[in-house]
Amino acid sequence: MIIKKKWIPILLILLIVRCLLKNSEYKLIMESMYLMVDIAIVIGIKLVIRIKNSILNVIYYILVILFILGSIFGSLFSVPSSNTYITSPNKTHTMIVSEHQMLAAATYIYIYEKKNFLFKEKLPIELSTGDASLPFKGENYRVEWKSEDEFTLSCPYRRGMEPWDYVTHKFE
């Protein structure tokens, strides 16, 4: 096994970026970018470590395949079914409403504030439906702006029925 030291800083930077992105309250707007970072880490590992032993090489490739499959399947279960963008009246805040269907039993709705073209911050509020409907994708929701920095967001708990689930939030 030969270690190429010139690639170690790049690999360390990729690993640090991946850990920060995964554990931060800020998330990437494009969920598929996590998989690209994971693939870059795998390529980085191969650039750093040159394996001469064929058994170790086979083990490395098996681990790479498992790593990539884990990233792909993890992304499949965490990728939102739909994203809806809602902008405040004076366009100072943009919310991203992310709907996640869970096995046709319920939809969990997470709300983010768009920070810039790349990052979004998860707001401490959530909604859910008792079925697999996507109320925001189907435009079956209400948003009421009390001021430029405060809103109430609501959607039906079950498809088209009362009562409606709602949350209120004030931007800091």
N, C-alpha and C. Protein backbone atom coordinates (compact mmCIF):
# COMPACT_ATOMS: atom_id res chain seq x y z
N MET A 1 0.85 -1.17 0.00
CA MET A 1 0.00 0.00 0.00
C MET A 1 0.90 1.24 0.00
N ILE A 2 0.70 2.12 -0.95
CA ILE A 2 1.48 3.35 -1.08
C ILE A 2 0.56 4.53 -0.80
N ILE A 3 1.03 5.46 0.03
CA ILE A 3 0.24 6.64 0.37
C ILE A 3 0.82 7.84 -0.36
N LYS A 4 0.00 8.50 -1.17
CA LYS A 4 0.43 9.71 -1.88
C LYS A 4 0.04 10.92 -1.03
N LYS A 5 1.02 11.57 -0.45
CA LYS A 5 0.78 12.62 0.53
C LYS A 5 0.22 13.90 -0.10
N LYS A 6 0.43 14.13 -1.38
CA LYS A 6 -0.05 15.38 -1.98
C LYS A 6 -1.57 15.47 -2.04
N TRP A 7 -2.28 14.32 -2.00
CA TRP A 7 -3.73 14.32 -2.08
C TRP A 7 -4.40 14.35 -0.72
N ILE A 8 -3.65 14.16 0.35
CA ILE A 8 -4.24 14.10 1.70
C ILE A 8 -4.97 15.39 2.08
N PRO A 9 -4.41 16.59 1.84
CA PRO A 9 -5.17 17.81 2.21
C PRO A 9 -6.51 17.94 1.49
N ILE A 10 -6.55 17.56 0.21
CA ILE A 10 -7.80 17.64 -0.54
C ILE A 10 -8.83 16.67 0.04
N LEU A 11 -8.39 15.45 0.35
CA LEU A 11 -9.29 14.48 0.94
C LEU A 11 -9.80 14.95 2.30
N LEU A 12 -8.92 15.51 3.11
CA LEU A 12 -9.33 16.02 4.43
C LEU A 12 -10.35 17.15 4.28
N ILE A 13 -10.14 18.02 3.32
CA ILE A 13 -11.09 19.12 3.09
C ILE A 13 -12.45 18.56 2.68
N LEU A 14 -12.47 17.57 1.78
CA LEU A 14 -13.73 16.95 1.38
C LEU A 14 -14.44 16.30 2.56
N LEU A 15 -13.68 15.60 3.40
CA LEU A 15 -14.29 14.94 4.56
C LEU A 15 -14.84 15.97 5.54
N ILE A 16 -14.12 17.06 5.75
CA ILE A 16 -14.60 18.11 6.67
C ILE A 16 -15.85 18.77 6.11
N VAL A 17 -15.85 19.08 4.81
CA VAL A 17 -17.03 19.69 4.19
C VAL A 17 -18.23 18.77 4.32
N ARG A 18 -18.04 17.47 4.07
CA ARG A 18 -19.16 16.51 4.16
C ARG A 18 -19.72 16.45 5.58
N CYS A 19 -18.83 16.42 6.57
CA CYS A 19 -19.29 16.38 7.98
C CYS A 19 -20.03 17.66 8.34
N LEU A 20 -19.52 18.80 7.90
CA LEU A 20 -20.19 20.06 8.21
C LEU A 20 -21.56 20.15 7.54
N LEU A 21 -21.66 19.70 6.30
CA LEU A 21 -22.94 19.75 5.59
C LEU A 21 -23.95 18.82 6.22
N LYS A 22 -23.53 17.65 6.63
CA LYS A 22 -24.45 16.66 7.17
C LYS A 22 -24.94 17.05 8.56
N ASN A 23 -24.11 17.69 9.36
CA ASN A 23 -24.44 17.96 10.75
C ASN A 23 -24.83 19.41 11.02
N SER A 24 -24.92 20.21 10.01
CA SER A 24 -25.22 21.62 10.18
C SER A 24 -26.73 21.86 10.12
N GLU A 25 -27.15 22.98 10.68
CA GLU A 25 -28.56 23.36 10.52
C GLU A 25 -28.79 23.92 9.12
N TYR A 26 -27.71 24.27 8.44
CA TYR A 26 -27.82 24.70 7.06
C TYR A 26 -27.71 23.48 6.16
N LYS A 27 -28.58 23.41 5.18
CA LYS A 27 -28.60 22.28 4.25
C LYS A 27 -28.40 22.81 2.84
N LEU A 28 -27.88 21.95 1.98
CA LEU A 28 -27.77 22.31 0.57
C LEU A 28 -29.16 22.33 -0.05
N ILE A 29 -29.40 23.28 -0.92
CA ILE A 29 -30.69 23.36 -1.58
C ILE A 29 -30.88 22.16 -2.51
N MET A 30 -29.84 21.77 -3.21
CA MET A 30 -29.92 20.61 -4.09
C MET A 30 -29.45 19.38 -3.33
N GLU A 31 -30.35 18.50 -2.96
CA GLU A 31 -30.03 17.33 -2.15
C GLU A 31 -29.05 16.40 -2.87
N SER A 32 -29.06 16.39 -4.19
CA SER A 32 -28.18 15.48 -4.93
C SER A 32 -26.71 15.86 -4.80
N MET A 33 -26.43 17.08 -4.33
CA MET A 33 -25.03 17.48 -4.18
C MET A 33 -24.32 16.68 -3.09
N TYR A 34 -25.06 16.15 -2.12
CA TYR A 34 -24.43 15.31 -1.10
C TYR A 34 -23.80 14.07 -1.74
N LEU A 35 -24.50 13.47 -2.67
CA LEU A 35 -23.99 12.28 -3.35
C LEU A 35 -22.73 12.62 -4.14
N MET A 36 -22.68 13.80 -4.76
CA MET A 36 -21.49 14.20 -5.50
C MET A 36 -20.30 14.35 -4.58
N VAL A 37 -20.51 14.91 -3.38
CA VAL A 37 -19.42 15.04 -2.40
C VAL A 37 -18.96 13.65 -1.97
N ASP A 38 -19.89 12.73 -1.74
CA ASP A 38 -19.53 11.36 -1.35
C ASP A 38 -18.69 10.69 -2.42
N ILE A 39 -19.06 10.85 -3.68
CA ILE A 39 -18.29 10.24 -4.77
C ILE A 39 -16.91 10.88 -4.86
N ALA A 40 -16.83 12.19 -4.64
CA ALA A 40 -15.52 12.86 -4.64
C ALA A 40 -14.64 12.33 -3.51
N ILE A 41 -15.23 12.02 -2.36
CA ILE A 41 -14.46 11.44 -1.25
C ILE A 41 -13.93 10.07 -1.64
N VAL A 42 -14.75 9.26 -2.26
CA VAL A 42 -14.31 7.92 -2.68
C VAL A 42 -13.16 8.03 -3.68
N ILE A 43 -13.28 8.93 -4.65
CA ILE A 43 -12.21 9.12 -5.62
C ILE A 43 -10.96 9.64 -4.91
N GLY A 44 -11.15 10.54 -3.94
CA GLY A 44 -10.03 11.07 -3.17
C GLY A 44 -9.30 9.99 -2.40
N ILE A 45 -10.03 9.07 -1.83
CA ILE A 45 -9.39 7.96 -1.10
C ILE A 45 -8.52 7.14 -2.06
N LYS A 46 -9.02 6.90 -3.25
CA LYS A 46 -8.26 6.11 -4.23
C LYS A 46 -7.01 6.88 -4.67
N LEU A 47 -7.09 8.21 -4.76
CA LEU A 47 -5.92 8.99 -5.13
C LEU A 47 -4.87 9.00 -4.02
N VAL A 48 -5.32 8.94 -2.78
CA VAL A 48 -4.39 8.98 -1.66
C VAL A 48 -3.72 7.63 -1.45
N ILE A 49 -4.49 6.56 -1.55
CA ILE A 49 -3.97 5.24 -1.24
C ILE A 49 -3.89 4.40 -2.52
N ARG A 50 -2.70 3.96 -2.84
CA ARG A 50 -2.48 3.06 -3.97
C ARG A 50 -2.28 1.66 -3.39
N ILE A 51 -3.21 0.77 -3.67
CA ILE A 51 -3.18 -0.56 -3.07
C ILE A 51 -2.54 -1.54 -4.06
N LYS A 52 -1.46 -2.19 -3.61
CA LYS A 52 -0.75 -3.16 -4.45
C LYS A 52 -1.29 -4.58 -4.27
N ASN A 53 -1.74 -4.91 -3.06
CA ASN A 53 -2.23 -6.24 -2.75
C ASN A 53 -3.61 -6.44 -3.39
N SER A 54 -3.80 -7.51 -4.16
CA SER A 54 -5.05 -7.71 -4.88
C SER A 54 -6.22 -7.99 -3.93
N ILE A 55 -5.98 -8.66 -2.81
CA ILE A 55 -7.06 -8.92 -1.85
C ILE A 55 -7.53 -7.60 -1.22
N LEU A 56 -6.59 -6.75 -0.85
CA LEU A 56 -6.96 -5.44 -0.30
C LEU A 56 -7.67 -4.58 -1.34
N ASN A 57 -7.26 -4.72 -2.59
CA ASN A 57 -7.91 -3.99 -3.67
C ASN A 57 -9.37 -4.43 -3.83
N VAL A 58 -9.63 -5.72 -3.77
CA VAL A 58 -11.00 -6.25 -3.86
C VAL A 58 -11.82 -5.74 -2.68
N ILE A 59 -11.27 -5.77 -1.49
CA ILE A 59 -11.97 -5.27 -0.29
C ILE A 59 -12.28 -3.79 -0.45
N TYR A 60 -11.31 -3.02 -0.98
CA TYR A 60 -11.54 -1.58 -1.21
C TYR A 60 -12.73 -1.37 -2.15
N TYR A 61 -12.76 -2.09 -3.26
CA TYR A 61 -13.84 -1.88 -4.23
C TYR A 61 -15.20 -2.34 -3.68
N ILE A 62 -15.21 -3.39 -2.88
CA ILE A 62 -16.46 -3.80 -2.24
C ILE A 62 -16.95 -2.71 -1.30
N LEU A 63 -16.04 -2.12 -0.52
CA LEU A 63 -16.41 -1.03 0.38
C LEU A 63 -16.88 0.21 -0.39
N VAL A 64 -16.24 0.49 -1.51
CA VAL A 64 -16.66 1.63 -2.36
C VAL A 64 -18.08 1.41 -2.86
N ILE A 65 -18.36 0.20 -3.35
CA ILE A 65 -19.70 -0.10 -3.86
C ILE A 65 -20.73 0.02 -2.75
N LEU A 66 -20.42 -0.52 -1.57
CA LEU A 66 -21.34 -0.40 -0.43
C LEU A 66 -21.54 1.06 -0.03
N PHE A 67 -20.48 1.84 -0.04
CA PHE A 67 -20.56 3.26 0.31
C PHE A 67 -21.46 4.02 -0.66
N ILE A 68 -21.25 3.78 -1.96
CA ILE A 68 -22.05 4.48 -2.97
C ILE A 68 -23.51 4.02 -2.91
N LEU A 69 -23.73 2.72 -2.77
CA LEU A 69 -25.12 2.23 -2.66
C LEU A 69 -25.80 2.80 -1.41
N GLY A 70 -25.07 2.87 -0.30
CA GLY A 70 -25.62 3.47 0.92
C GLY A 70 -25.98 4.92 0.71
N SER A 71 -25.13 5.66 -0.01
CA SER A 71 -25.43 7.07 -0.29
C SER A 71 -26.65 7.21 -1.19
N ILE A 72 -26.72 6.35 -2.21
CA ILE A 72 -27.86 6.43 -3.14
C ILE A 72 -29.16 6.09 -2.42
N PHE A 73 -29.18 4.97 -1.68
CA PHE A 73 -30.41 4.57 -1.01
C PHE A 73 -30.77 5.54 0.11
N GLY A 74 -29.76 6.09 0.79
CA GLY A 74 -30.03 7.11 1.81
C GLY A 74 -30.66 8.34 1.19
N SER A 75 -30.18 8.69 0.00
CA SER A 75 -30.75 9.84 -0.70
C SER A 75 -32.18 9.57 -1.16
N LEU A 76 -32.45 8.34 -1.58
CA LEU A 76 -33.80 8.01 -2.03
C LEU A 76 -34.83 8.19 -0.92
N PHE A 77 -34.44 7.86 0.32
CA PHE A 77 -35.38 7.96 1.42
C PHE A 77 -35.46 9.35 2.02
N SER A 78 -34.48 10.22 1.71
CA SER A 78 -34.51 11.54 2.31
C SER A 78 -34.78 12.65 1.30
N VAL A 79 -34.83 12.32 0.03
CA VAL A 79 -35.11 13.33 -0.98
C VAL A 79 -36.59 13.71 -0.92
N PRO A 80 -36.88 14.97 -0.91
CA PRO A 80 -38.28 15.38 -0.82
C PRO A 80 -39.08 15.01 -2.06
N SER A 81 -40.38 14.77 -1.84
CA SER A 81 -41.28 14.49 -2.96
C SER A 81 -41.52 15.75 -3.77
N SER A 82 -41.56 16.90 -3.07
CA SER A 82 -41.72 18.17 -3.78
C SER A 82 -41.22 19.31 -2.92
N ASN A 83 -40.81 20.37 -3.57
CA ASN A 83 -40.42 21.61 -2.90
C ASN A 83 -41.29 22.73 -3.44
N THR A 84 -41.79 23.56 -2.53
CA THR A 84 -42.59 24.72 -2.90
C THR A 84 -41.91 25.96 -2.33
N TYR A 85 -41.72 26.97 -3.16
CA TYR A 85 -41.09 28.21 -2.72
C TYR A 85 -42.18 29.24 -2.44
N ILE A 86 -42.12 29.85 -1.26
CA ILE A 86 -43.08 30.88 -0.88
C ILE A 86 -42.29 32.12 -0.47
N THR A 87 -42.61 33.25 -1.09
CA THR A 87 -41.88 34.49 -0.84
C THR A 87 -42.74 35.46 -0.06
N SER A 88 -42.12 36.18 0.86
CA SER A 88 -42.84 37.18 1.65
C SER A 88 -43.29 38.33 0.74
N PRO A 89 -44.25 39.13 1.20
CA PRO A 89 -44.81 40.19 0.33
C PRO A 89 -43.76 41.15 -0.24
N ASN A 90 -42.79 41.55 0.57
CA ASN A 90 -41.76 42.47 0.07
C ASN A 90 -40.51 41.75 -0.42
N LYS A 91 -40.60 40.43 -0.52
CA LYS A 91 -39.53 39.58 -1.05
C LYS A 91 -38.25 39.61 -0.22
N THR A 92 -38.37 39.80 1.11
CA THR A 92 -37.19 39.77 1.97
C THR A 92 -36.91 38.36 2.49
N HIS A 93 -37.91 37.49 2.49
CA HIS A 93 -37.73 36.11 2.95
C HIS A 93 -38.33 35.16 1.92
N THR A 94 -37.63 34.05 1.70
CA THR A 94 -38.15 32.99 0.86
C THR A 94 -38.14 31.70 1.66
N MET A 95 -39.29 31.07 1.76
CA MET A 95 -39.40 29.78 2.44
C MET A 95 -39.38 28.68 1.40
N ILE A 96 -38.77 27.57 1.78
CA ILE A 96 -38.81 26.37 0.96
C ILE A 96 -39.59 25.34 1.77
N VAL A 97 -40.74 24.95 1.28
CA VAL A 97 -41.56 23.94 1.95
C VAL A 97 -41.26 22.62 1.27
N SER A 98 -40.68 21.69 2.04
CA SER A 98 -40.24 20.41 1.51
C SER A 98 -41.15 19.30 2.03
N GLU A 99 -41.84 18.63 1.10
CA GLU A 99 -42.78 17.56 1.46
C GLU A 99 -42.11 16.21 1.26
N HIS A 100 -42.14 15.37 2.30
CA HIS A 100 -41.54 14.04 2.26
C HIS A 100 -42.63 13.01 2.47
N GLN A 101 -42.91 12.19 1.47
CA GLN A 101 -43.89 11.11 1.62
C GLN A 101 -43.21 9.92 2.27
N MET A 102 -43.90 9.32 3.22
CA MET A 102 -43.36 8.16 3.92
C MET A 102 -44.25 6.95 3.66
N LEU A 103 -43.87 6.12 2.70
CA LEU A 103 -44.54 4.84 2.42
C LEU A 103 -46.07 4.97 2.26
N ALA A 104 -46.52 6.00 1.61
CA ALA A 104 -47.94 6.22 1.33
C ALA A 104 -48.81 6.28 2.58
N ALA A 105 -48.20 6.53 3.73
CA ALA A 105 -48.97 6.58 4.98
C ALA A 105 -49.11 8.00 5.49
N ALA A 106 -48.13 8.84 5.26
CA ALA A 106 -48.17 10.21 5.76
C ALA A 106 -47.19 11.06 4.97
N THR A 107 -47.35 12.34 5.08
CA THR A 107 -46.42 13.29 4.48
C THR A 107 -45.90 14.19 5.59
N TYR A 108 -44.59 14.25 5.70
CA TYR A 108 -43.96 15.16 6.67
C TYR A 108 -43.49 16.38 5.91
N ILE A 109 -43.77 17.54 6.48
CA ILE A 109 -43.50 18.80 5.80
C ILE A 109 -42.51 19.59 6.64
N TYR A 110 -41.34 19.83 6.05
CA TYR A 110 -40.29 20.61 6.71
C TYR A 110 -40.18 21.96 6.04
N ILE A 111 -39.92 22.98 6.82
CA ILE A 111 -39.90 24.34 6.29
C ILE A 111 -38.52 24.93 6.52
N TYR A 112 -37.95 25.47 5.45
CA TYR A 112 -36.63 26.05 5.48
C TYR A 112 -36.72 27.51 5.06
N GLU A 113 -35.73 28.29 5.47
CA GLU A 113 -35.59 29.64 4.94
C GLU A 113 -34.41 29.62 3.98
N LYS A 114 -34.62 30.12 2.78
CA LYS A 114 -33.55 30.16 1.79
C LYS A 114 -32.59 31.27 2.19
N LYS A 115 -31.32 30.92 2.38
CA LYS A 115 -30.31 31.90 2.80
C LYS A 115 -29.61 32.53 1.60
N ASN A 116 -29.29 31.73 0.60
CA ASN A 116 -28.69 32.22 -0.64
C ASN A 116 -28.94 31.16 -1.72
N PHE A 117 -28.24 31.25 -2.82
CA PHE A 117 -28.51 30.32 -3.92
C PHE A 117 -28.09 28.89 -3.62
N LEU A 118 -27.30 28.66 -2.55
CA LEU A 118 -26.78 27.34 -2.27
C LEU A 118 -27.30 26.73 -0.97
N PHE A 119 -27.56 27.54 0.05
CA PHE A 119 -27.91 27.01 1.36
C PHE A 119 -29.31 27.42 1.81
N LYS A 120 -29.88 26.54 2.64
CA LYS A 120 -31.16 26.80 3.27
C LYS A 120 -31.02 26.43 4.74
N GLU A 121 -31.76 27.14 5.62
CA GLU A 121 -31.73 26.89 7.05
C GLU A 121 -33.07 26.32 7.49
N LYS A 122 -33.02 25.19 8.20
CA LYS A 122 -34.25 24.56 8.67
C LYS A 122 -34.87 25.41 9.77
N LEU A 123 -36.15 25.71 9.61
CA LEU A 123 -36.88 26.45 10.64
C LEU A 123 -37.40 25.45 11.68
N PRO A 124 -37.56 25.87 12.91
CA PRO A 124 -37.96 24.94 13.98
C PRO A 124 -39.45 24.62 13.98
N ILE A 125 -40.03 24.46 12.81
CA ILE A 125 -41.45 24.17 12.70
C ILE A 125 -41.65 23.05 11.68
N GLU A 126 -42.68 22.24 11.89
CA GLU A 126 -43.00 21.16 10.98
C GLU A 126 -44.51 20.98 10.90
N LEU A 127 -44.96 20.44 9.80
CA LEU A 127 -46.36 20.07 9.59
C LEU A 127 -46.38 18.61 9.16
N SER A 128 -47.55 18.00 9.24
CA SER A 128 -47.68 16.64 8.70
C SER A 128 -49.13 16.44 8.26
N THR A 129 -49.31 15.44 7.40
CA THR A 129 -50.65 15.06 6.99
C THR A 129 -50.86 13.62 7.40
N GLY A 130 -52.10 13.24 7.57
CA GLY A 130 -52.42 11.88 7.97
C GLY A 130 -52.52 10.93 6.81
N ASP A 131 -52.25 11.40 5.61
CA ASP A 131 -52.25 10.54 4.44
C ASP A 131 -51.07 10.94 3.55
N ALA A 132 -50.97 10.36 2.40
CA ALA A 132 -49.82 10.61 1.53
C ALA A 132 -50.06 11.76 0.56
N SER A 133 -50.97 12.65 0.88
CA SER A 133 -51.23 13.78 -0.02
C SER A 133 -50.06 14.76 0.03
N LEU A 134 -49.91 15.52 -1.01
CA LEU A 134 -48.89 16.57 -1.09
C LEU A 134 -49.63 17.91 -1.21
N PRO A 135 -50.06 18.49 -0.09
CA PRO A 135 -50.89 19.68 -0.17
C PRO A 135 -50.20 20.88 -0.80
N PHE A 136 -48.90 21.03 -0.61
CA PHE A 136 -48.21 22.19 -1.19
C PHE A 136 -47.98 22.01 -2.67
N LYS A 137 -47.66 20.80 -3.09
CA LYS A 137 -47.52 20.53 -4.52
C LYS A 137 -48.85 20.74 -5.24
N GLY A 138 -49.94 20.32 -4.59
CA GLY A 138 -51.27 20.50 -5.17
C GLY A 138 -51.87 21.86 -4.90
N GLU A 139 -51.09 22.77 -4.34
CA GLU A 139 -51.51 24.15 -4.02
C GLU A 139 -52.74 24.17 -3.12
N ASN A 140 -52.82 23.21 -2.19
CA ASN A 140 -53.92 23.15 -1.24
C ASN A 140 -53.39 23.58 0.14
N TYR A 141 -52.99 24.83 0.23
CA TYR A 141 -52.45 25.37 1.47
C TYR A 141 -52.81 26.85 1.58
N ARG A 142 -52.62 27.38 2.77
CA ARG A 142 -52.84 28.82 2.99
C ARG A 142 -51.61 29.40 3.67
N VAL A 143 -51.24 30.58 3.25
CA VAL A 143 -50.19 31.31 3.94
C VAL A 143 -50.72 32.71 4.22
N GLU A 144 -50.57 33.14 5.45
CA GLU A 144 -51.02 34.47 5.86
C GLU A 144 -49.83 35.19 6.48
N TRP A 145 -49.47 36.29 5.86
CA TRP A 145 -48.36 37.10 6.37
C TRP A 145 -48.91 38.14 7.33
N LYS A 146 -48.53 38.05 8.60
CA LYS A 146 -48.97 39.03 9.60
C LYS A 146 -48.12 40.28 9.51
N SER A 147 -46.87 40.11 9.13
CA SER A 147 -45.94 41.20 8.85
C SER A 147 -44.92 40.63 7.88
N GLU A 148 -43.93 41.41 7.53
CA GLU A 148 -42.90 40.93 6.62
C GLU A 148 -42.08 39.80 7.25
N ASP A 149 -42.05 39.74 8.57
CA ASP A 149 -41.24 38.76 9.28
C ASP A 149 -42.03 37.68 10.00
N GLU A 150 -43.35 37.65 9.87
CA GLU A 150 -44.15 36.67 10.59
C GLU A 150 -45.25 36.13 9.68
N PHE A 151 -45.42 34.81 9.72
CA PHE A 151 -46.42 34.17 8.87
C PHE A 151 -47.10 33.02 9.60
N THR A 152 -48.27 32.67 9.10
CA THR A 152 -48.96 31.45 9.51
C THR A 152 -49.17 30.62 8.26
N LEU A 153 -48.79 29.36 8.35
CA LEU A 153 -48.86 28.45 7.23
C LEU A 153 -49.78 27.30 7.64
N SER A 154 -50.71 26.93 6.76
CA SER A 154 -51.63 25.84 7.11
C SER A 154 -51.93 24.96 5.90
N CYS A 155 -52.26 23.70 6.22
CA CYS A 155 -52.64 22.74 5.18
C CYS A 155 -53.58 21.72 5.82
N PRO A 156 -54.38 21.03 5.01
CA PRO A 156 -55.31 20.04 5.60
C PRO A 156 -54.56 18.84 6.15
N TYR A 157 -55.04 18.32 7.29
CA TYR A 157 -54.42 17.14 7.87
C TYR A 157 -54.72 15.90 7.02
N ARG A 158 -55.91 15.82 6.49
CA ARG A 158 -56.25 14.76 5.54
C ARG A 158 -56.72 15.42 4.25
N ARG A 159 -56.55 14.75 3.16
CA ARG A 159 -56.81 15.29 1.83
C ARG A 159 -58.15 16.02 1.75
N GLY A 160 -58.07 17.35 1.67
CA GLY A 160 -59.26 18.17 1.47
C GLY A 160 -60.23 18.26 2.63
N MET A 161 -59.85 17.78 3.80
CA MET A 161 -60.79 17.75 4.93
C MET A 161 -60.33 18.69 6.04
N GLU A 162 -61.27 19.06 6.88
CA GLU A 162 -60.95 19.80 8.10
C GLU A 162 -60.59 18.77 9.16
N PRO A 163 -59.85 19.04 10.19
CA PRO A 163 -59.23 20.32 10.51
C PRO A 163 -57.92 20.52 9.75
N TRP A 164 -57.50 21.75 9.68
CA TRP A 164 -56.24 22.08 9.04
C TRP A 164 -55.16 22.17 10.10
N ASP A 165 -53.99 21.69 9.78
CA ASP A 165 -52.82 21.79 10.66
C ASP A 165 -52.13 23.11 10.31
N TYR A 166 -51.68 23.84 11.30
CA TYR A 166 -51.04 25.12 10.99
C TYR A 166 -49.86 25.38 11.93
N VAL A 167 -48.96 26.24 11.46
CA VAL A 167 -47.83 26.69 12.26
C VAL A 167 -47.65 28.19 12.04
N THR A 168 -47.13 28.85 13.07
CA THR A 168 -46.81 30.27 12.98
C THR A 168 -45.34 30.43 13.27
N HIS A 169 -44.68 31.30 12.53
CA HIS A 169 -43.25 31.53 12.74
C HIS A 169 -42.92 33.00 12.52
N LYS A 170 -41.97 33.49 13.31
CA LYS A 170 -41.46 34.86 13.16
C LYS A 170 -39.97 34.77 12.87
N PHE A 171 -39.55 35.35 11.75
CA PHE A 171 -38.13 35.36 11.38
C PHE A 171 -37.39 36.28 12.35
N GLU A 172 -36.16 35.89 12.64
CA GLU A 172 -35.35 36.71 13.56
C GLU A 172 -34.63 37.79 12.83
